[in-house]
Protein backbone atom coordinates (compact mmCIF):
# COMPACT_ATOMS: atom_id res chain seq x y z
CA UNK A 1 -48.15 -270.97 192.77
CA UNK A 2 -48.63 -267.77 190.74
CA UNK A 3 -46.95 -264.45 191.49
CA UNK A 4 -48.84 -261.43 190.36
CA UNK A 5 -46.32 -259.00 191.77
CA UNK A 6 -43.64 -258.30 189.16
CA UNK A 7 -41.27 -257.14 191.87
CA UNK A 8 -41.58 -260.39 193.68
CA UNK A 9 -38.32 -261.73 195.06
CA UNK A 10 -38.22 -265.46 195.85
CA UNK A 11 -37.64 -266.38 199.42
CA UNK A 12 -33.98 -266.76 200.34
CA UNK A 13 -32.81 -264.37 197.58
CA UNK A 14 -32.45 -260.79 198.50
CA UNK A 15 -32.54 -258.02 195.92
CA UNK A 16 -28.84 -257.48 196.44
CA UNK A 17 -28.09 -261.13 195.65
CA UNK A 18 -30.17 -260.99 192.49
CA UNK A 19 -28.38 -257.89 191.30
CA UNK A 20 -25.04 -259.59 191.94
CA UNK A 21 -26.02 -262.60 189.84
CA UNK A 22 -27.20 -260.43 186.97
CA UNK A 23 -23.92 -258.53 187.08
CA UNK A 24 -21.95 -261.75 186.93
CA UNK A 25 -23.93 -262.89 183.88
CA UNK A 26 -23.21 -259.60 182.07
CA UNK A 27 -19.49 -259.85 182.90
CA UNK A 28 -19.41 -263.44 181.68
CA UNK A 29 -21.09 -262.51 178.38
CA UNK A 30 -18.66 -259.66 177.89
CA UNK A 31 -15.73 -261.99 178.54
CA UNK A 32 -17.06 -264.48 175.99
CA UNK A 33 -17.47 -261.70 173.39
CA UNK A 34 -13.91 -260.48 173.94
CA UNK A 35 -12.56 -264.03 173.72
CA UNK A 36 -14.48 -264.74 170.50
CA UNK A 37 -13.25 -261.50 168.93
CA UNK A 38 -9.68 -262.35 169.89
CA UNK A 39 -9.97 -265.77 168.29
CA UNK A 40 -11.36 -264.27 165.06
CA UNK A 41 -8.59 -261.65 164.91
CA UNK A 42 -5.91 -264.25 165.64
CA UNK A 43 -7.29 -266.57 162.95
CA UNK A 44 -7.32 -263.75 160.41
CA UNK A 45 -3.72 -262.87 161.27
CA UNK A 46 -2.63 -266.49 160.96
CA UNK A 47 -4.49 -266.84 157.63
CA UNK A 48 -2.99 -263.75 156.07
CA UNK A 49 0.47 -264.61 157.38
CA UNK A 50 0.23 -268.13 156.05
CA UNK A 51 -0.81 -267.03 152.54
CA UNK A 52 1.50 -264.07 152.18
CA UNK A 53 3.51 -264.96 149.05
CA UNK A 54 7.27 -264.78 148.95
CA UNK A 55 9.13 -263.59 145.84
CA UNK A 56 9.87 -267.22 145.00
CA UNK A 57 6.20 -268.14 145.28
CA UNK A 58 5.23 -265.19 143.10
CA UNK A 59 7.77 -266.30 140.49
CA UNK A 60 6.34 -269.82 140.56
CA UNK A 61 2.81 -268.48 140.10
CA UNK A 62 3.96 -266.42 137.11
CA UNK A 63 5.69 -269.47 135.63
CA UNK A 64 2.54 -271.55 136.04
CA UNK A 65 0.43 -268.87 134.38
CA UNK A 66 2.93 -268.57 131.51
CA UNK A 67 3.00 -272.33 131.03
CA UNK A 68 -0.79 -272.40 130.87
CA UNK A 69 -0.78 -269.56 128.35
CA UNK A 70 1.85 -271.32 126.21
CA UNK A 71 -0.16 -274.55 126.26
CA UNK A 72 -3.25 -272.69 125.12
CA UNK A 73 -1.34 -270.92 122.34
CA UNK A 74 0.41 -274.11 121.30
CA UNK A 75 -2.91 -275.91 120.91
CA UNK A 76 -3.93 -273.25 118.39
CA UNK A 77 -0.64 -272.77 116.52
CA UNK A 78 0.43 -276.43 116.52
CA UNK A 79 -2.67 -278.61 116.87
CA UNK A 80 -1.69 -281.97 118.35
CA UNK A 81 -3.91 -283.79 115.85
CA UNK A 82 -2.22 -282.02 112.95
CA UNK A 83 -3.44 -279.96 110.02
CA UNK A 84 -4.82 -281.37 106.79
CA UNK A 85 -3.28 -279.72 103.76
CA UNK A 86 -5.52 -278.95 100.76
CA UNK A 87 -3.56 -281.22 98.40
CA UNK A 88 -3.64 -284.87 97.39
CA UNK A 89 -0.19 -286.49 97.35
CA UNK A 90 -1.22 -289.36 95.07
CA UNK A 91 1.83 -291.02 93.48
CA UNK A 92 4.24 -288.09 93.72
CA UNK A 93 6.56 -289.97 96.07
CA UNK A 94 6.81 -292.84 93.61
CA UNK A 95 7.47 -290.38 90.78
CA UNK A 96 10.27 -288.73 92.75
CA UNK A 97 11.83 -292.17 93.21
CA UNK A 98 11.26 -293.13 89.56
CA UNK A 99 12.94 -289.98 88.25
CA UNK A 100 15.86 -290.35 90.66
CA UNK A 101 15.37 -287.18 92.68
CA UNK A 102 15.06 -289.55 95.63
CA UNK A 103 17.16 -292.67 96.00
CA UNK A 104 14.64 -294.80 97.88
CA UNK A 105 17.27 -296.93 99.63
CA UNK A 106 19.20 -293.92 100.91
CA UNK A 107 16.01 -292.16 101.91
CA UNK A 108 14.61 -295.14 103.82
CA UNK A 109 17.94 -295.75 105.54
CA UNK A 110 17.77 -292.37 107.28
CA UNK A 111 14.53 -293.31 109.00
CA UNK A 112 15.18 -297.01 109.48
CA UNK A 113 18.30 -296.13 111.47
CA UNK A 114 16.08 -294.08 113.77
CA UNK A 115 13.40 -296.74 113.89
CA UNK A 116 10.86 -294.29 112.49
CA UNK A 117 10.16 -295.56 108.99
CA UNK A 118 6.46 -296.12 109.55
CA UNK A 119 3.83 -297.53 107.22
CA UNK A 120 2.68 -293.96 106.62
CA UNK A 121 6.18 -292.96 105.53
CA UNK A 122 6.46 -295.98 103.26
CA UNK A 123 3.17 -295.18 101.54
CA UNK A 124 4.08 -291.53 101.03
CA UNK A 125 7.40 -292.56 99.47
CA UNK A 126 6.36 -295.54 97.37
CA UNK A 127 2.56 -295.61 97.28
CA UNK A 128 0.49 -294.57 94.30
CA UNK A 129 -2.88 -293.80 95.85
CA UNK A 130 -2.22 -291.43 98.73
CA UNK A 131 -4.93 -289.01 99.82
CA UNK A 132 -4.58 -285.54 101.26
CA UNK A 133 -1.42 -284.74 103.16
CA UNK A 134 -1.73 -284.20 106.88
CA UNK A 135 1.08 -282.46 108.74
CA UNK A 136 1.70 -283.21 112.41
CA UNK A 137 4.45 -282.57 114.92
CA UNK A 138 5.68 -286.09 114.25
CA UNK A 139 5.80 -286.14 110.45
CA UNK A 140 6.57 -282.48 109.71
CA UNK A 141 10.25 -283.25 109.11
CA UNK A 142 9.49 -286.18 106.83
CA UNK A 143 7.12 -284.07 104.73
CA UNK A 144 9.79 -281.37 104.68
CA UNK A 145 12.18 -283.77 102.94
CA UNK A 146 9.58 -285.04 100.48
CA UNK A 147 8.55 -281.51 99.55
CA UNK A 148 12.21 -280.48 99.33
CA UNK A 149 12.74 -283.18 96.71
CA UNK A 150 9.61 -282.05 94.89
CA UNK A 151 10.66 -278.39 94.83
CA UNK A 152 14.18 -279.26 93.71
CA UNK A 153 13.22 -281.58 90.88
CA UNK A 154 10.12 -279.85 89.55
CA UNK A 155 10.63 -277.80 86.39
CA UNK A 156 9.76 -274.19 87.22
CA UNK A 157 10.69 -270.66 86.07
CA UNK A 158 11.40 -269.65 89.66
CA UNK A 159 14.42 -271.96 89.58
CA UNK A 160 15.32 -271.27 85.95
CA UNK A 161 15.33 -267.48 86.00
CA UNK A 162 15.13 -266.40 89.64
CA UNK A 163 17.74 -265.50 92.25
CA UNK A 164 19.08 -269.05 92.42
CA UNK A 165 20.80 -268.64 89.05
CA UNK A 166 22.03 -265.09 89.58
CA UNK A 167 25.71 -265.07 88.46
CA UNK A 168 26.74 -263.13 91.55
CA UNK A 169 26.09 -266.25 93.62
CA UNK A 170 28.23 -268.46 91.43
CA UNK A 171 25.44 -270.68 90.17
CA UNK A 172 22.70 -272.70 91.83
CA UNK A 173 24.82 -275.66 92.90
CA UNK A 174 26.38 -274.01 95.92
CA UNK A 175 23.27 -273.58 98.06
CA UNK A 176 22.07 -275.68 100.96
CA UNK A 177 18.94 -276.60 99.01
CA UNK A 178 20.96 -278.04 96.14
CA UNK A 179 24.33 -279.20 97.42
CA UNK A 180 22.71 -280.36 100.64
CA UNK A 181 20.42 -282.83 98.88
CA UNK A 182 22.67 -285.88 99.10
CA UNK A 183 20.12 -288.66 98.61
CA UNK A 184 19.44 -288.33 94.89
CA UNK A 185 20.62 -290.75 92.25
CA UNK A 186 23.59 -288.95 90.77
CA UNK A 187 24.26 -285.28 91.44
CA UNK A 188 21.45 -283.11 92.85
CA UNK A 189 22.07 -280.70 89.96
CA UNK A 190 21.20 -283.53 87.56
CA UNK A 191 17.65 -283.05 88.82
CA UNK A 192 17.52 -279.30 89.44
CA UNK A 193 14.36 -277.97 87.74
CA UNK A 194 14.48 -280.97 85.42
CA UNK A 195 11.25 -282.98 85.76
CA UNK A 196 7.70 -282.07 84.70
CA UNK A 197 5.52 -283.18 87.59
CA UNK A 198 3.02 -280.38 86.94
CA UNK A 199 1.61 -278.61 83.92
CA UNK A 200 0.80 -275.24 85.44
CA UNK A 201 -1.28 -272.74 83.50
CA UNK A 202 0.10 -269.20 83.15
CA UNK A 203 -2.35 -268.10 85.85
CA UNK A 204 -1.24 -270.86 88.20
CA UNK A 205 2.43 -270.06 87.62
CA UNK A 206 1.75 -266.38 88.25
CA UNK A 207 0.15 -267.33 91.55
CA UNK A 208 3.17 -269.44 92.54
CA UNK A 209 5.45 -266.55 91.66
CA UNK A 210 3.40 -264.02 93.63
CA UNK A 211 2.92 -266.07 96.78
CA UNK A 212 6.52 -267.32 96.79
CA UNK A 213 7.75 -263.73 96.95
CA UNK A 214 5.72 -263.12 100.11
CA UNK A 215 6.68 -266.16 102.20
CA UNK A 216 9.77 -265.73 104.37
CA UNK A 217 11.46 -268.10 106.79
CA UNK A 218 13.28 -267.32 110.04
CA UNK A 219 16.42 -269.25 109.17
CA UNK A 220 17.46 -266.49 106.75
CA UNK A 221 16.29 -263.30 105.11
CA UNK A 222 15.12 -264.76 101.83
CA UNK A 223 11.67 -265.44 100.45
CA UNK A 224 10.50 -268.70 98.92
CA UNK A 225 11.22 -267.14 95.52
CA UNK A 226 14.88 -267.53 96.51
CA UNK A 227 14.80 -271.12 97.84
CA UNK A 228 18.42 -271.39 98.90
CA UNK A 229 17.68 -273.76 101.81
CA UNK A 230 15.56 -276.85 102.35
CA UNK A 231 12.62 -274.95 103.85
CA UNK A 232 12.45 -272.58 100.91
CA UNK A 233 12.72 -275.35 98.33
CA UNK A 234 10.11 -277.44 100.14
CA UNK A 235 7.72 -274.50 100.33
CA UNK A 236 8.20 -273.87 96.61
CA UNK A 237 7.30 -277.49 95.93
CA UNK A 238 4.20 -277.16 98.10
CA UNK A 239 3.11 -273.98 96.31
CA UNK A 240 3.45 -275.68 92.92
CA UNK A 241 1.47 -278.65 94.18
CA UNK A 242 -1.30 -276.42 95.56
CA UNK A 243 -1.47 -274.35 92.37
CA UNK A 244 -1.67 -277.49 90.22
CA UNK A 245 -4.71 -278.64 92.21
CA UNK A 246 -6.56 -275.34 92.01
CA UNK A 247 -6.02 -274.12 95.57
CA UNK A 248 -6.97 -270.45 95.96
CA UNK A 249 -4.47 -267.76 96.86
CA UNK A 250 -6.10 -267.20 100.25
CA UNK A 251 -5.88 -270.91 101.05
CA UNK A 252 -2.24 -270.92 99.94
CA UNK A 253 -1.31 -268.25 102.47
CA UNK A 254 -3.23 -270.03 105.22
CA UNK A 255 -1.62 -273.38 104.45
CA UNK A 256 1.87 -271.90 104.18
CA UNK A 257 1.51 -270.35 107.64
CA UNK A 258 0.37 -273.65 109.14
CA UNK A 259 3.28 -275.50 107.52
CA UNK A 260 5.87 -272.90 108.51
CA UNK A 261 4.55 -273.13 112.07
CA UNK A 262 5.34 -276.85 112.23
CA UNK A 263 8.74 -276.33 110.63
CA UNK A 264 9.64 -273.43 112.92
CA UNK A 265 7.54 -274.00 116.06
CA UNK A 266 9.42 -271.70 118.41
CA UNK A 267 9.17 -268.84 115.92
CA UNK A 268 5.44 -269.00 115.48
CA UNK A 269 4.66 -269.68 119.13
CA UNK A 270 6.59 -266.51 119.91
CA UNK A 271 4.78 -264.59 117.19
CA UNK A 272 1.43 -265.84 118.49
CA UNK A 273 2.40 -264.71 121.99
CA UNK A 274 3.36 -261.31 120.61
CA UNK A 275 0.11 -260.94 118.69
CA UNK A 276 -1.96 -261.98 121.71
CA UNK A 277 -0.18 -259.44 123.91
CA UNK A 278 -1.19 -256.82 121.34
CA UNK A 279 -4.82 -257.87 121.37
CA UNK A 280 -4.97 -260.18 118.34
CA UNK A 281 -5.72 -263.89 118.65
CA UNK A 282 -3.75 -266.18 116.34
CA UNK A 283 -6.93 -267.35 114.61
CA UNK A 284 -7.56 -263.75 113.56
CA UNK A 285 -4.14 -262.89 112.13
CA UNK A 286 -3.60 -262.24 108.42
CA UNK A 287 -1.43 -265.16 107.18
CA UNK A 288 0.05 -263.07 104.38
CA UNK A 289 1.14 -260.40 106.84
CA UNK A 290 2.66 -262.88 109.30
CA UNK A 291 4.56 -264.68 106.53
CA UNK A 292 6.10 -261.41 105.33
CA UNK A 293 9.59 -260.18 106.15
CA UNK A 294 8.36 -258.05 109.08
CA UNK A 295 7.55 -261.16 111.08
CA UNK A 296 8.93 -264.29 109.41
CA UNK A 297 12.37 -263.31 108.11
CA UNK A 298 15.36 -263.79 110.39
CA UNK A 299 15.75 -260.06 111.03
CA UNK A 300 12.02 -259.45 111.34
CA UNK A 301 11.53 -262.23 113.84
CA UNK A 302 14.58 -261.12 115.81
CA UNK A 303 13.00 -257.69 116.20
CA UNK A 304 9.65 -259.12 117.31
CA UNK A 305 11.15 -261.68 119.70
CA UNK A 306 13.11 -258.94 121.48
CA UNK A 307 9.74 -257.50 122.54
CA UNK A 308 8.38 -260.76 123.95
CA UNK A 309 9.07 -262.35 127.34
CA UNK A 310 10.05 -265.83 126.34
CA UNK A 311 8.23 -268.50 128.35
CA UNK A 312 9.35 -272.12 128.42
CA UNK A 313 7.87 -273.79 125.38
CA UNK A 314 7.30 -277.49 124.87
CA UNK A 315 7.73 -277.36 121.10
CA UNK A 316 10.85 -275.27 121.30
CA UNK A 317 12.72 -276.99 118.52
CA UNK A 318 13.02 -276.02 114.91
CA UNK A 319 13.95 -277.96 111.81
CA UNK A 320 17.54 -277.65 110.73
CA UNK A 321 18.55 -277.14 107.12
CA UNK A 322 19.81 -280.61 106.32
CA UNK A 323 18.26 -283.92 105.32
CA UNK A 324 18.73 -285.28 108.85
CA UNK A 325 16.31 -282.61 110.05
CA UNK A 326 13.47 -284.69 108.67
CA UNK A 327 12.81 -286.64 111.84
CA UNK A 328 10.97 -285.77 115.00
CA UNK A 329 11.47 -282.16 116.07
CA UNK A 330 14.58 -281.75 118.16
CA UNK A 331 14.47 -279.80 121.41
CA UNK A 332 16.53 -276.63 121.24
CA UNK A 333 16.69 -273.48 123.33
CA UNK A 334 13.73 -271.33 122.38
CA UNK A 335 15.69 -268.37 121.05
CA UNK A 336 17.87 -270.55 118.83
CA UNK A 337 16.89 -270.73 115.21
CA UNK A 338 18.32 -272.97 112.51
CA UNK A 339 20.66 -271.20 110.13
CA UNK A 340 20.94 -271.62 106.40
CA UNK A 341 21.37 -269.72 103.20
CA UNK A 342 24.16 -267.45 102.05
């Protein structure tokens, strides 16, 4: 049946009843809208209440962010796969043993007692066909000791006429870099600047002299030109080795910074953090500037570190200034630095 009258009202339903039903539907829709809005508001309140951070949570978030930042910086400053140095070691270990600067039995005993005298270590000490040196977190201490022996025994004007023999210090034998070398055959002074491992040209020696004066270390206030501790003597040995193999000055600075970073990890992680906070990525720093007294000497680093919020660092240790430092890096509080020198 069709209804052409738009005002038609079905039988049994009065106009009043229809109006009542329509009113009920409107009220019901309004109720549903109010209920839905209430649920949305309640959910929003619960959500914001649930995720409102407490001071402790904020501190944890900051710690997580700092740890992430440290990990990123550490990967750049101290690559886990190490850094290849631009020098071939060859038979220098064997020569150091042959000339008596290193007593092989005493040297091996240090590492055998720790269970760390690896095939790599054996080859570096006794082998005659070693390739380029590669420094890692694991072998940085071992290379420190080998280079210490090299710097101590190698004949060089830096040791013959430099600060080490200044009369005001009472002679060269009283320093950590000399008296502390207890694994030579005979007295360490029997080997001090005694053996000709290199035949440096005047230009190469001038380069060693120049660069050595610009490399500082955070265990004291002296440059490599005054190698009164193991780190200084080892760096001097490395500079002589690099010069003898034609390494450029720019590459010397770059290599010295990489090596110092492995020997003093907490120092250079802190410096990298400082540089990053001032808008300079570690890969863009000037190695010569960073190795200078402003940043790398004990007093210079102390000044810089006072301006840096110290996060927890995984590689917080630093090599000490004795032969027993030549193992795996030891964990130390971040702010603590090894001491040595006068």
